[in-house]
């Protein structure tokens, strides 16, 4: 999924294994339930789907990021997961 994003250096992420480190630390994304979804029309052909009151996907336990050692690894994991 990350390979299609030109702004992300996938080789560097794989080498750092920061996504693996985040998973081991307990970082999980929480998908919204149906009643938390909001569909917004923009006046154009597209429709925006978002979570009411927040991001579409959010960490289930935001404190899990604090378990990741090293600022660079935290940042790498945050960018890759976001």
N, C-alpha and C. Protein backbone atom coordinates (compact mmCIF):
# COMPACT_ATOMS: atom_id res chain seq x y z
N UNK A 1 0.82 -1.19 0.00
CA UNK A 1 0.00 0.00 0.00
C UNK A 1 0.87 1.26 0.00
N UNK A 2 1.99 1.23 0.68
CA UNK A 2 2.87 2.39 0.75
C UNK A 2 3.67 2.58 -0.53
N UNK A 3 3.83 1.53 -1.32
CA UNK A 3 4.66 1.61 -2.52
C UNK A 3 4.13 2.63 -3.52
N UNK A 4 2.85 2.88 -3.53
CA UNK A 4 2.27 3.83 -4.47
C UNK A 4 2.47 5.29 -4.09
N UNK A 5 2.96 5.56 -2.89
CA UNK A 5 3.14 6.93 -2.43
C UNK A 5 4.57 7.38 -2.70
N UNK A 6 4.72 8.33 -3.60
CA UNK A 6 6.05 8.81 -4.02
C UNK A 6 6.78 9.55 -2.90
N UNK A 7 6.05 10.07 -1.92
CA UNK A 7 6.67 10.85 -0.85
C UNK A 7 7.26 9.98 0.25
N UNK A 8 7.03 8.69 0.18
CA UNK A 8 7.52 7.78 1.21
C UNK A 8 8.64 6.92 0.65
N UNK A 9 9.75 6.85 1.37
CA UNK A 9 10.89 6.02 1.00
C UNK A 9 10.66 4.63 1.59
N UNK A 10 10.03 3.78 0.80
CA UNK A 10 9.64 2.46 1.29
C UNK A 10 10.85 1.61 1.69
N UNK A 11 11.94 1.72 0.94
CA UNK A 11 13.14 0.94 1.27
C UNK A 11 13.67 1.32 2.66
N UNK A 12 13.64 2.60 2.96
CA UNK A 12 14.12 3.06 4.27
C UNK A 12 13.20 2.56 5.39
N UNK A 13 11.90 2.56 5.15
CA UNK A 13 10.95 2.07 6.15
C UNK A 13 11.15 0.58 6.39
N UNK A 14 11.35 -0.17 5.30
CA UNK A 14 11.58 -1.61 5.44
C UNK A 14 12.88 -1.88 6.19
N UNK A 15 13.92 -1.12 5.89
CA UNK A 15 15.21 -1.31 6.54
C UNK A 15 15.11 -0.98 8.04
N UNK A 16 14.39 0.08 8.37
CA UNK A 16 14.24 0.48 9.78
C UNK A 16 13.31 -0.45 10.55
N UNK A 17 12.44 -1.17 9.83
CA UNK A 17 11.45 -2.07 10.44
C UNK A 17 10.59 -1.36 11.47
N UNK A 18 10.32 -0.08 11.23
CA UNK A 18 9.57 0.71 12.20
C UNK A 18 8.10 0.28 12.30
N UNK A 19 7.54 -0.23 11.23
CA UNK A 19 6.16 -0.71 11.30
C UNK A 19 6.11 -1.97 12.17
N UNK A 20 7.12 -2.83 12.03
CA UNK A 20 7.20 -4.03 12.86
C UNK A 20 7.37 -3.65 14.34
N UNK A 21 8.20 -2.64 14.59
CA UNK A 21 8.43 -2.17 15.96
C UNK A 21 7.13 -1.60 16.54
N UNK A 22 6.40 -0.85 15.73
CA UNK A 22 5.13 -0.28 16.20
C UNK A 22 4.12 -1.38 16.52
N UNK A 23 4.07 -2.39 15.67
CA UNK A 23 3.15 -3.50 15.91
C UNK A 23 3.52 -4.22 17.21
N UNK A 24 4.82 -4.46 17.42
CA UNK A 24 5.29 -5.12 18.63
C UNK A 24 4.98 -4.29 19.88
N UNK A 25 4.95 -2.96 19.72
CA UNK A 25 4.64 -2.06 20.84
C UNK A 25 3.14 -2.00 21.14
N UNK A 26 2.34 -2.59 20.26
CA UNK A 26 0.90 -2.61 20.50
C UNK A 26 0.11 -1.55 19.74
N UNK A 27 0.75 -0.89 18.77
CA UNK A 27 0.04 0.12 17.98
C UNK A 27 -0.93 -0.58 17.04
N UNK A 28 -2.19 -0.23 17.17
CA UNK A 28 -3.26 -0.77 16.31
C UNK A 28 -4.14 0.40 15.89
N UNK A 29 -4.67 0.33 14.67
CA UNK A 29 -5.59 1.36 14.21
C UNK A 29 -7.01 0.90 14.44
N UNK A 30 -7.83 1.83 14.85
CA UNK A 30 -9.23 1.57 15.16
C UNK A 30 -10.09 2.13 14.04
N UNK A 31 -10.80 1.26 13.34
CA UNK A 31 -11.71 1.71 12.29
C UNK A 31 -13.02 2.16 12.92
N UNK A 32 -13.66 3.17 12.35
CA UNK A 32 -14.92 3.65 12.93
C UNK A 32 -16.07 2.68 12.71
N UNK A 33 -17.03 2.73 13.61
CA UNK A 33 -18.26 1.97 13.42
C UNK A 33 -19.15 2.74 12.45
N UNK A 34 -20.18 2.09 11.98
CA UNK A 34 -21.06 2.71 10.98
C UNK A 34 -21.68 4.01 11.48
N UNK A 35 -22.05 4.07 12.75
CA UNK A 35 -22.68 5.28 13.28
C UNK A 35 -21.69 6.43 13.49
N UNK A 36 -20.39 6.15 13.40
CA UNK A 36 -19.37 7.19 13.53
C UNK A 36 -18.98 7.78 12.18
N UNK A 37 -19.47 7.19 11.09
CA UNK A 37 -19.11 7.68 9.75
C UNK A 37 -19.96 8.87 9.35
N UNK A 38 -19.35 9.74 8.58
CA UNK A 38 -20.03 10.93 8.07
C UNK A 38 -19.67 11.04 6.58
N UNK A 39 -20.68 11.22 5.75
CA UNK A 39 -20.48 11.38 4.31
C UNK A 39 -20.74 12.83 3.94
N UNK A 40 -19.74 13.46 3.33
CA UNK A 40 -19.83 14.88 3.03
C UNK A 40 -19.75 15.08 1.52
N UNK A 41 -20.74 15.78 0.98
CA UNK A 41 -20.68 16.12 -0.44
C UNK A 41 -19.95 17.44 -0.59
N UNK A 42 -19.19 17.55 -1.66
CA UNK A 42 -18.33 18.72 -1.83
C UNK A 42 -18.80 19.66 -2.93
N UNK A 43 -19.87 19.31 -3.61
CA UNK A 43 -20.30 20.10 -4.76
C UNK A 43 -19.64 19.61 -6.04
N UNK A 44 -18.76 18.66 -5.91
CA UNK A 44 -18.09 18.02 -7.04
C UNK A 44 -18.50 16.56 -7.06
N UNK A 45 -18.04 15.78 -8.03
CA UNK A 45 -18.46 14.37 -8.09
C UNK A 45 -18.03 13.52 -6.90
N UNK A 46 -16.98 13.93 -6.18
CA UNK A 46 -16.49 13.10 -5.08
C UNK A 46 -17.30 13.30 -3.80
N UNK A 47 -17.24 12.27 -2.97
CA UNK A 47 -17.86 12.30 -1.65
C UNK A 47 -16.74 12.02 -0.64
N UNK A 48 -16.66 12.80 0.42
CA UNK A 48 -15.65 12.63 1.46
C UNK A 48 -16.26 11.79 2.57
N UNK A 49 -15.54 10.74 2.95
CA UNK A 49 -15.96 9.89 4.07
C UNK A 49 -15.01 10.18 5.22
N UNK A 50 -15.58 10.54 6.36
CA UNK A 50 -14.75 10.83 7.53
C UNK A 50 -15.45 10.35 8.79
N UNK A 51 -14.69 10.32 9.85
CA UNK A 51 -15.23 9.94 11.16
C UNK A 51 -15.76 11.20 11.83
N UNK A 52 -16.91 11.11 12.43
CA UNK A 52 -17.45 12.25 13.17
C UNK A 52 -16.50 12.58 14.32
N UNK A 53 -16.04 13.81 14.36
CA UNK A 53 -15.21 14.27 15.46
C UNK A 53 -13.77 13.80 15.47
N UNK A 54 -13.26 13.31 14.34
CA UNK A 54 -11.87 12.86 14.35
C UNK A 54 -11.42 12.29 13.02
N UNK A 55 -10.23 11.72 13.03
CA UNK A 55 -9.68 11.11 11.83
C UNK A 55 -10.40 9.81 11.51
N UNK A 56 -10.39 9.44 10.23
CA UNK A 56 -11.07 8.22 9.81
C UNK A 56 -10.53 7.00 10.55
N UNK A 57 -9.21 6.86 10.60
CA UNK A 57 -8.57 5.78 11.33
C UNK A 57 -7.72 6.39 12.42
N UNK A 58 -7.91 5.93 13.64
CA UNK A 58 -7.18 6.48 14.78
C UNK A 58 -6.53 5.33 15.55
N UNK A 59 -5.42 5.62 16.22
CA UNK A 59 -4.83 4.56 17.05
C UNK A 59 -5.81 4.15 18.15
N UNK A 60 -5.96 2.85 18.34
CA UNK A 60 -6.85 2.35 19.39
C UNK A 60 -6.33 2.77 20.77
N UNK A 61 -5.00 2.79 20.93
CA UNK A 61 -4.38 3.19 22.19
C UNK A 61 -3.22 4.14 21.86
N UNK A 62 -3.47 5.45 21.84
CA UNK A 62 -2.42 6.41 21.46
C UNK A 62 -1.15 6.30 22.32
N UNK A 63 -1.28 5.82 23.55
CA UNK A 63 -0.10 5.71 24.42
C UNK A 63 0.86 4.61 23.95
N UNK A 64 0.40 3.72 23.07
CA UNK A 64 1.27 2.65 22.57
C UNK A 64 2.47 3.22 21.81
N UNK A 65 2.30 4.39 21.17
CA UNK A 65 3.41 5.01 20.46
C UNK A 65 4.55 5.38 21.42
N UNK A 66 4.22 5.66 22.66
CA UNK A 66 5.23 6.03 23.64
C UNK A 66 6.16 4.85 23.98
N UNK A 67 5.71 3.63 23.72
CA UNK A 67 6.52 2.44 23.98
C UNK A 67 7.61 2.25 22.94
N UNK A 68 7.51 2.95 21.81
CA UNK A 68 8.51 2.83 20.74
C UNK A 68 9.73 3.63 21.13
N UNK A 69 10.88 2.99 21.17
CA UNK A 69 12.12 3.65 21.57
C UNK A 69 12.72 4.40 20.39
N UNK A 70 13.14 5.62 20.64
CA UNK A 70 13.83 6.42 19.63
C UNK A 70 12.89 7.32 18.86
N UNK A 71 13.22 8.59 18.83
CA UNK A 71 12.38 9.57 18.13
C UNK A 71 12.26 9.27 16.64
N UNK A 72 13.36 8.86 16.02
CA UNK A 72 13.34 8.57 14.58
C UNK A 72 12.45 7.38 14.27
N UNK A 73 12.49 6.36 15.11
CA UNK A 73 11.64 5.19 14.91
C UNK A 73 10.18 5.56 15.13
N UNK A 74 9.89 6.37 16.14
CA UNK A 74 8.52 6.84 16.37
C UNK A 74 8.00 7.61 15.17
N UNK A 75 8.84 8.51 14.65
CA UNK A 75 8.42 9.32 13.51
C UNK A 75 8.20 8.45 12.28
N UNK A 76 9.11 7.51 12.04
CA UNK A 76 8.99 6.60 10.91
C UNK A 76 7.68 5.83 10.99
N UNK A 77 7.39 5.27 12.16
CA UNK A 77 6.16 4.50 12.36
C UNK A 77 4.93 5.38 12.18
N UNK A 78 4.96 6.57 12.73
CA UNK A 78 3.83 7.49 12.61
C UNK A 78 3.53 7.85 11.17
N UNK A 79 4.56 8.12 10.40
CA UNK A 79 4.38 8.48 8.98
C UNK A 79 3.88 7.29 8.20
N UNK A 80 4.47 6.13 8.41
CA UNK A 80 4.07 4.94 7.65
C UNK A 80 2.64 4.54 7.97
N UNK A 81 2.26 4.61 9.22
CA UNK A 81 0.92 4.19 9.61
C UNK A 81 -0.13 5.23 9.21
N UNK A 82 0.24 6.49 9.29
CA UNK A 82 -0.70 7.54 8.91
C UNK A 82 -1.01 7.46 7.44
